[in-house]
Amino acid sequence: MSLVTPPLSLYVHLPWCVRKCPYCDFNSHEQKGALPFAAYVDALIADLDQDLPLAWGRVVHSVFFGGGTPSLFPADAIDAFLQQASARLRFAPGLEITLETNPGTAEHGRFEGYRDAGVNRLSFGIQSFDDDCLKRLGRIHDSREADAAVKLAQDAGFDNINLDLMYALPGQTLEMAVRDVERAIALQPAHLSHYQLTLEPNTVFAARPPQGIPDIDQSWDIQEACQARIAEAGFGHYEVSSYAKPGRQCAHNLNYWRFGDYLGIGAGAHGKLTQGASQSILRRWKVKHPAEYLVKAGTPAAIGGDETLAPERIPFDYMLNLLRLHEGFALASFEARTGLPRAAIAPQLDAAVARGWIEVDDAGHATPTELGRRFTNDVVELFLAD
């Protein structure tokens, strides 16, 4: 089988935040003094220049600024990066450009600047509209600031807005979780991300778990009640934790989940590139600490590592992404994006079908069942190489 080059996205990591949240395991670093905005943009461009040979001539279909807290960066820094990046890469007309935003860093006039720079989608890390829950999560904003920030963005002309909500929070009841969803729906976003709090390794919460976290049964009740309310409001549930109004699915994340390619630049950023000449899939990541990255960006020393995926590893990586999506995947797409024959996953797929986790139709399209979506991790584990 031959690998077919999939769509390409660009991920840009902006690593600083005002305060590290106790549940966060992302590569984020608390701001200490003035941030080196101009120097970091220069480093990003040097990093991009080094990776360009991996993507010569390819069209970029989405850009995502993640963090950290990207909204700490002023609009002119975002503009400077996008101008230089678009001079080096072929940006598709009207491509989706997302900026993650913390309501506690929203300022009047800043959203207009982001829009003028080319950003056309905002993702707000709301997490909750309950002030006590926000305090327990270590967030720097309150519910009033969350409402105000979203409305400022809408006043600035943004209509493609995602709101992140977490559930199963310390001290949270089912009624409180549904109330959070109601508050989010009232703001009329195009997209909702609704995901359960997990105690990730190497976080403050993992070392010192907070009291009052709902148990498994309570969390499931919360999830079901919130999903029902979100569906009632007209949002389609298209991925494990993602809901969108018609036509407003996140193009960037969909490319990840469909096993597309992405350049990853910035401190700690990860990328995945299909290499047609060698018929291989390369994963590359950058050094994590911002100070080290600023010094080394654009040199081989800034590359934290390269890994060419072994054929036996690829099915697991593919399923880890595709099985998050309610739409499932075509077996022909599996062959095109992995370079492997469908026979490589036939035994595992048969096992998943036998357990009622996946259905495969006559056209060769595999779709997770409702039961399979409840046990996604178990389904994916079937595809781990021995």
Protein backbone atom coordinates (compact mmCIF):
# COMPACT_ATOMS: atom_id res chain seq x y z
CA MET A 1 0.00 0.00 0.00
CA SER A 2 1.13 3.59 -0.64
CA LEU A 3 0.77 6.45 1.82
CA VAL A 4 -1.41 9.30 0.58
CA THR A 5 -0.42 12.70 1.91
CA PRO A 6 -3.26 14.00 4.14
CA PRO A 7 -4.24 17.63 4.81
CA LEU A 8 -1.72 19.77 6.73
CA SER A 9 -2.31 22.02 9.75
CA LEU A 10 -0.03 24.31 11.74
CA TYR A 11 0.08 24.24 15.54
CA VAL A 12 1.81 27.12 17.36
CA HIS A 13 2.56 26.77 21.07
CA LEU A 14 2.68 29.91 23.23
CA PRO A 15 3.81 28.51 26.57
CA TRP A 16 3.22 31.19 29.20
CA CYS A 17 0.26 31.66 31.53
CA VAL A 18 -0.54 33.98 34.44
CA ARG A 19 -0.79 31.10 36.90
CA LYS A 20 -0.44 27.34 36.47
CA CYS A 21 -3.74 25.58 37.21
CA PRO A 22 -3.47 22.63 39.64
CA TYR A 23 -5.06 20.19 37.14
CA CYS A 24 -2.97 21.26 34.12
CA ASP A 25 -0.40 18.88 32.61
CA PHE A 26 0.26 20.96 29.49
CA ASN A 27 3.62 22.55 28.77
CA SER A 28 2.75 25.87 30.42
CA HIS A 29 4.94 28.17 32.50
CA GLU A 30 3.93 30.96 34.86
CA GLN A 31 4.69 34.46 33.66
CA LYS A 32 7.52 36.09 35.61
CA GLY A 33 7.99 39.67 34.55
CA ALA A 34 7.62 41.01 31.02
CA LEU A 35 7.29 38.36 28.35
CA PRO A 36 9.66 38.39 25.32
CA PHE A 37 6.92 38.63 22.70
CA ALA A 38 9.07 39.84 19.79
CA ALA A 39 11.91 37.44 20.57
CA TYR A 40 9.50 34.52 20.80
CA VAL A 41 7.93 35.36 17.44
CA ASP A 42 11.44 35.45 15.94
CA ALA A 43 12.11 32.05 17.52
CA LEU A 44 8.87 30.65 16.09
CA ILE A 45 9.82 31.77 12.59
CA ALA A 46 13.31 30.28 12.94
CA ASP A 47 11.68 27.05 14.11
CA LEU A 48 9.28 27.10 11.17
CA ASP A 49 12.11 27.72 8.72
CA GLN A 50 13.90 24.63 10.02
CA ASP A 51 10.80 22.46 9.56
CA LEU A 52 9.77 23.82 6.15
CA PRO A 53 11.58 21.10 4.16
CA LEU A 54 9.18 18.61 5.76
CA ALA A 55 6.22 20.37 4.12
CA TRP A 56 7.46 22.01 0.92
CA GLY A 57 4.64 22.99 -1.41
CA ARG A 58 1.83 21.76 0.84
CA VAL A 59 -1.25 23.83 1.66
CA VAL A 60 -2.01 24.69 5.30
CA HIS A 61 -5.72 24.23 6.05
CA SER A 62 -5.83 25.47 9.67
CA VAL A 63 -3.73 27.25 12.27
CA PHE A 64 -4.13 26.84 16.03
CA PHE A 65 -2.45 28.95 18.72
CA GLY A 66 -2.42 26.86 21.90
CA GLY A 67 -0.83 27.22 25.29
CA GLY A 68 -0.31 28.26 27.97
CA THR A 69 -2.42 31.30 27.45
CA PRO A 70 -2.02 32.61 23.89
CA SER A 71 -4.19 35.63 24.70
CA LEU A 72 -1.31 36.96 26.81
CA PHE A 73 0.31 37.80 23.47
CA PRO A 74 -0.69 41.16 22.01
CA ALA A 75 -2.43 41.26 18.65
CA ASP A 76 0.61 42.77 16.91
CA ALA A 77 2.71 39.73 17.88
CA ILE A 78 0.08 37.35 16.49
CA ASP A 79 -0.12 39.50 13.36
CA ALA A 80 3.65 39.52 12.92
CA PHE A 81 3.81 35.75 13.14
CA LEU A 82 0.92 35.14 10.72
CA GLN A 83 2.33 37.54 8.14
CA GLN A 84 5.72 35.83 8.19
CA ALA A 85 4.26 32.32 8.29
CA SER A 86 1.92 32.98 5.36
CA ALA A 87 4.90 34.23 3.35
CA ARG A 88 6.55 30.83 3.84
CA LEU A 89 3.57 28.48 3.67
CA ARG A 90 0.58 28.29 1.32
CA PHE A 91 -2.40 29.24 3.45
CA ALA A 92 -5.71 27.95 2.07
CA PRO A 93 -8.22 30.74 1.35
CA GLY A 94 -10.40 31.37 4.39
CA LEU A 95 -8.55 28.84 6.54
CA GLU A 96 -9.61 28.48 10.18
CA ILE A 97 -7.23 30.31 12.57
CA THR A 98 -7.96 29.62 16.24
CA LEU A 99 -6.57 31.39 19.31
CA GLU A 100 -7.04 29.94 22.79
CA THR A 101 -8.18 32.64 25.20
CA ASN A 102 -8.37 33.01 28.97
CA PRO A 103 -11.26 35.21 30.14
CA GLY A 104 -8.94 36.69 32.76
CA THR A 105 -6.70 38.18 30.07
CA ALA A 106 -9.43 39.75 27.91
CA GLU A 107 -9.00 43.47 27.27
CA HIS A 108 -11.15 45.92 25.36
CA GLY A 109 -9.75 46.38 21.87
CA ARG A 110 -7.59 43.28 21.89
CA PHE A 111 -10.18 41.09 20.17
CA GLU A 112 -10.49 43.58 17.30
CA GLY A 113 -6.73 43.36 16.89
CA TYR A 114 -6.79 39.56 16.77
CA ARG A 115 -9.55 39.66 14.17
CA ASP A 116 -7.62 42.15 12.06
CA ALA A 117 -4.54 39.90 12.29
CA GLY A 118 -6.53 37.05 10.71
CA VAL A 119 -7.77 35.09 13.73
CA ASN A 120 -11.33 33.98 12.98
CA ARG A 121 -12.03 31.51 15.79
CA LEU A 122 -11.63 31.90 19.55
CA SER A 123 -11.58 29.15 22.17
CA PHE A 124 -12.34 30.34 25.70
CA GLY A 125 -11.13 28.33 28.69
CA ILE A 126 -14.22 28.97 30.82
CA GLN A 127 -14.24 25.60 32.68
CA SER A 128 -17.14 26.65 34.93
CA PHE A 129 -19.48 29.55 35.61
CA ASP A 130 -19.56 28.75 39.33
CA ASP A 131 -17.21 31.06 41.22
CA ASP A 132 -16.49 28.55 43.98
CA CYS A 133 -15.63 25.87 41.42
CA LEU A 134 -13.38 28.31 39.59
CA LYS A 135 -11.51 29.08 42.80
CA ARG A 136 -11.03 25.39 43.53
CA LEU A 137 -9.68 24.94 39.98
CA GLY A 138 -7.19 27.77 40.48
CA ARG A 139 -8.62 29.85 37.62
CA ILE A 140 -7.76 33.57 37.47
CA HIS A 141 -11.22 34.65 36.26
CA ASP A 142 -14.70 34.63 37.75
CA SER A 143 -18.08 34.05 36.10
CA ARG A 144 -18.68 37.75 35.51
CA GLU A 145 -15.38 38.06 33.64
CA ALA A 146 -16.22 34.94 31.60
CA ASP A 147 -19.52 36.42 30.43
CA ALA A 148 -17.92 39.80 29.71
CA ALA A 149 -15.01 38.32 27.75
CA VAL A 150 -17.23 36.31 25.42
CA LYS A 151 -19.48 39.31 24.80
CA LEU A 152 -16.44 41.51 24.07
CA ALA A 153 -15.32 39.00 21.46
CA GLN A 154 -18.79 38.91 19.90
CA ASP A 155 -18.89 42.71 19.83
CA ALA A 156 -15.54 42.59 18.00
CA GLY A 157 -17.14 40.51 15.25
CA PHE A 158 -16.30 36.95 16.28
CA ASP A 159 -19.10 34.47 15.66
CA ASN A 160 -17.02 31.27 15.65
CA ILE A 161 -16.43 30.78 19.36
CA ASN A 162 -15.76 27.66 21.42
CA LEU A 163 -16.33 27.46 25.17
CA ASP A 164 -14.43 24.88 27.22
CA LEU A 165 -16.34 23.43 30.18
CA MET A 166 -15.19 20.82 32.69
CA TYR A 167 -17.44 18.61 34.77
CA ALA A 168 -17.10 16.29 37.78
CA LEU A 169 -15.40 19.15 39.59
CA PRO A 170 -14.66 19.20 43.32
CA GLY A 171 -17.92 19.94 45.13
CA GLN A 172 -19.98 19.93 41.92
CA THR A 173 -23.48 18.44 41.86
CA LEU A 174 -25.43 17.37 38.79
CA GLU A 175 -27.55 20.51 39.10
CA MET A 176 -24.44 22.73 39.19
CA ALA A 177 -22.99 21.03 36.10
CA VAL A 178 -26.21 21.46 34.11
CA ARG A 179 -26.34 25.10 35.23
CA ASP A 180 -22.84 25.57 33.75
CA VAL A 181 -24.10 24.17 30.45
CA GLU A 182 -27.13 26.47 30.55
CA ARG A 183 -24.89 29.50 31.11
CA ALA A 184 -22.68 28.46 28.21
CA ILE A 185 -25.62 27.90 25.84
CA ALA A 186 -27.02 31.33 26.76
CA LEU A 187 -23.85 32.92 25.31
CA GLN A 188 -24.68 31.36 21.91
CA PRO A 189 -21.30 29.83 21.05
CA ALA A 190 -20.77 27.89 17.84
CA HIS A 191 -18.95 25.07 19.64
CA LEU A 192 -18.72 23.51 23.09
CA SER A 193 -15.99 21.33 24.56
CA HIS A 194 -17.29 19.44 27.61
CA TYR A 195 -14.85 17.14 29.32
CA GLN A 196 -14.38 15.45 32.65
CA LEU A 197 -11.77 16.60 35.15
CA THR A 198 -9.01 14.01 35.34
CA LEU A 199 -6.13 13.90 37.81
CA GLU A 200 -3.17 13.83 35.44
CA PRO A 201 0.28 12.68 36.61
CA ASN A 202 2.75 15.39 37.64
CA THR A 203 0.04 17.90 38.56
CA VAL A 204 -0.81 19.46 41.90
CA PHE A 205 -4.18 17.70 41.91
CA ALA A 206 -2.50 14.32 41.34
CA ALA A 207 -0.18 14.90 44.30
CA ARG A 208 -2.91 16.35 46.52
CA PRO A 209 -6.34 15.25 45.22
CA PRO A 210 -9.08 17.74 46.08
CA GLN A 211 -12.01 16.68 48.22
CA GLY A 212 -15.52 16.23 46.89
CA ILE A 213 -14.84 14.93 43.36
CA PRO A 214 -17.96 13.09 42.12
CA ASP A 215 -17.56 9.31 41.94
CA ILE A 216 -17.88 7.25 38.74
CA ASP A 217 -21.66 6.86 38.93
CA GLN A 218 -22.22 10.53 39.78
CA SER A 219 -19.90 11.60 36.95
CA TRP A 220 -21.79 9.42 34.47
CA ASP A 221 -25.11 10.91 35.59
CA ILE A 222 -23.66 14.40 35.12
CA GLN A 223 -22.34 13.52 31.67
CA GLU A 224 -25.67 12.10 30.49
CA ALA A 225 -27.69 15.05 31.79
CA CYS A 226 -25.33 17.61 30.23
CA GLN A 227 -25.18 15.76 26.91
CA ALA A 228 -28.96 15.75 26.74
CA ARG A 229 -29.16 19.50 27.40
CA ILE A 230 -26.43 20.27 24.86
CA ALA A 231 -28.21 18.16 22.21
CA GLU A 232 -31.51 19.89 23.00
CA ALA A 233 -29.81 23.22 22.25
CA GLY A 234 -28.94 22.07 18.72
CA PHE A 235 -25.31 21.02 19.12
CA GLY A 236 -24.18 17.87 17.33
CA HIS A 237 -22.00 15.50 19.40
CA TYR A 238 -19.27 14.65 16.90
CA GLU A 239 -16.30 13.69 19.10
CA VAL A 240 -15.89 12.32 22.64
CA SER A 241 -15.86 15.79 24.23
CA SER A 242 -16.86 18.07 21.34
CA TYR A 243 -20.20 19.51 20.27
CA ALA A 244 -20.90 21.91 17.42
CA LYS A 245 -23.69 23.80 15.75
CA PRO A 246 -24.19 22.67 12.12
CA GLY A 247 -21.11 23.47 10.04
CA ARG A 248 -19.07 24.64 13.05
CA GLN A 249 -16.95 21.63 13.88
CA CYS A 250 -13.33 22.51 14.67
CA ALA A 251 -11.43 21.97 11.41
CA HIS A 252 -8.05 21.91 13.13
CA ASN A 253 -8.96 19.26 15.69
CA LEU A 254 -10.80 17.23 13.05
CA ASN A 255 -7.54 17.05 11.10
CA TYR A 256 -5.80 15.64 14.20
CA TRP A 257 -8.55 13.08 14.77
CA ARG A 258 -8.62 12.03 11.11
CA PHE A 259 -4.89 11.29 11.28
CA GLY A 260 -3.95 14.35 9.27
CA ASP A 261 -0.54 16.02 9.32
CA TYR A 262 0.56 19.03 11.34
CA LEU A 263 3.65 21.10 11.78
CA GLY A 264 4.25 21.79 15.48
CA ILE A 265 6.32 24.85 16.33
CA GLY A 266 7.01 26.49 19.67
CA ALA A 267 8.33 25.26 23.01
CA GLY A 268 7.29 21.64 23.51
CA ALA A 269 5.17 21.53 20.34
CA HIS A 270 4.58 18.18 18.63
CA GLY A 271 4.21 17.58 14.90
CA LYS A 272 3.28 14.68 12.60
CA LEU A 273 4.36 14.63 8.96
CA THR A 274 3.77 12.05 6.24
CA GLN A 275 6.91 11.65 4.15
CA GLY A 276 5.94 10.53 0.66
CA ALA A 277 9.47 9.89 -0.60
CA SER A 278 10.32 7.48 2.21
CA GLN A 279 6.73 6.26 2.67
CA SER A 280 6.96 6.91 6.39
CA ILE A 281 5.29 8.91 9.15
CA LEU A 282 7.52 11.17 11.23
CA ARG A 283 6.71 12.56 14.66
CA ARG A 284 8.84 15.50 15.84
CA TRP A 285 8.78 17.48 19.05
CA LYS A 286 10.62 20.55 20.31
CA VAL A 287 12.45 21.28 23.57
CA LYS A 288 9.95 22.15 26.29
CA HIS A 289 11.37 24.96 28.38
CA PRO A 290 10.78 28.44 26.90
CA ALA A 291 14.20 29.79 27.92
CA GLU A 292 16.00 26.89 26.26
CA TYR A 293 13.73 27.11 23.21
CA LEU A 294 14.42 30.84 22.76
CA VAL A 295 18.16 30.13 22.60
CA LYS A 296 18.02 27.04 20.39
CA ALA A 297 15.06 27.67 18.05
CA GLY A 298 16.01 27.14 14.42
CA THR A 299 18.92 24.83 15.25
CA PRO A 300 18.97 21.03 15.50
CA ALA A 301 19.37 21.44 19.28
CA ALA A 302 15.80 22.76 19.47
CA ILE A 303 14.43 19.42 18.26
CA GLY A 304 13.54 17.43 21.34
CA GLY A 305 13.23 14.28 19.28
CA ASP A 306 12.26 12.62 16.00
CA GLU A 307 10.48 9.30 15.70
CA THR A 308 9.59 7.42 12.54
CA LEU A 309 6.56 5.32 13.39
CA ALA A 310 7.12 1.59 13.14
CA PRO A 311 4.46 -0.17 11.03
CA GLU A 312 3.24 -2.19 14.02
CA ARG A 313 2.69 1.02 16.02
CA ILE A 314 0.67 2.86 13.36
CA PRO A 315 -2.71 1.10 13.80
CA PHE A 316 -2.81 2.06 17.49
CA ASP A 317 -1.92 5.69 16.73
CA TYR A 318 -4.58 5.79 14.03
CA MET A 319 -7.31 4.31 16.22
CA LEU A 320 -6.35 6.51 19.17
CA ASN A 321 -7.52 9.42 17.02
CA LEU A 322 -10.21 8.06 14.70
CA LEU A 323 -12.18 6.23 17.37
CA ARG A 324 -12.77 9.52 19.16
CA LEU A 325 -15.03 10.54 16.29
CA HIS A 326 -18.67 9.48 16.06
CA GLU A 327 -18.33 9.37 12.26
CA GLY A 328 -15.83 6.51 12.43
CA PHE A 329 -13.58 5.83 9.45
CA ALA A 330 -13.50 4.20 6.03
CA LEU A 331 -11.19 1.22 5.69
CA ALA A 332 -9.95 2.79 2.45
CA SER A 333 -8.97 5.88 4.42
CA PHE A 334 -7.08 3.70 6.91
CA GLU A 335 -5.08 2.26 4.03
CA ALA A 336 -4.39 5.68 2.47
CA ARG A 337 -3.28 7.38 5.68
CA THR A 338 -1.26 4.54 7.18
CA GLY A 339 0.14 2.80 4.09
CA LEU A 340 -1.04 -0.51 5.59
CA PRO A 341 -3.54 -3.00 4.15
CA ARG A 342 -6.84 -3.36 5.96
CA ALA A 343 -5.80 -6.93 6.72
CA ALA A 344 -3.36 -5.44 9.25
CA ILE A 345 -6.29 -4.60 11.54
CA ALA A 346 -8.75 -7.31 10.52
CA PRO A 347 -8.41 -9.50 13.66
CA GLN A 348 -8.75 -6.54 16.03
CA LEU A 349 -11.67 -5.11 14.05
CA ASP A 350 -13.41 -8.49 14.09
CA ALA A 351 -12.97 -8.65 17.87
CA ALA A 352 -14.43 -5.15 18.28
CA VAL A 353 -17.41 -6.07 16.09
CA ALA A 354 -17.97 -9.29 18.06
CA ARG A 355 -18.09 -7.31 21.31
CA GLY A 356 -20.58 -4.83 19.90
CA TRP A 357 -18.12 -1.93 19.99
CA ILE A 358 -17.84 -1.24 16.24
CA GLU A 359 -20.11 -1.79 13.25
CA VAL A 360 -18.71 -2.22 9.72
CA ASP A 361 -21.10 -1.69 6.80
CA ASP A 362 -21.00 -3.22 3.32
CA ALA A 363 -19.19 -0.14 1.97
CA GLY A 364 -16.29 -0.74 4.37
CA HIS A 365 -17.05 2.05 6.83
CA ALA A 366 -16.36 1.35 10.52
CA THR A 367 -18.41 3.25 13.10
CA PRO A 368 -18.21 3.08 16.91
CA THR A 369 -21.49 1.98 18.49
CA GLU A 370 -22.97 3.74 21.51
CA LEU A 371 -21.46 0.95 23.64
CA GLY A 372 -18.12 1.37 21.89
CA ARG A 373 -18.13 5.10 22.59
CA ARG A 374 -18.61 4.35 26.28
CA PHE A 375 -15.55 2.09 26.23
CA THR A 376 -13.31 3.95 23.80
CA ASN A 377 -10.12 3.17 25.72
CA ASP A 378 -10.87 -0.55 25.68
CA VAL A 379 -11.58 -0.46 21.95
CA VAL A 380 -8.32 1.38 21.21
CA GLU A 381 -6.32 -1.06 23.35
CA LEU A 382 -7.30 -3.86 20.98
CA PHE A 383 -4.99 -2.27 18.41
CA LEU A 384 -1.89 -2.15 20.64
CA ALA A 385 0.96 -4.17 19.14
CA ASP A 386 1.96 -7.22 21.17
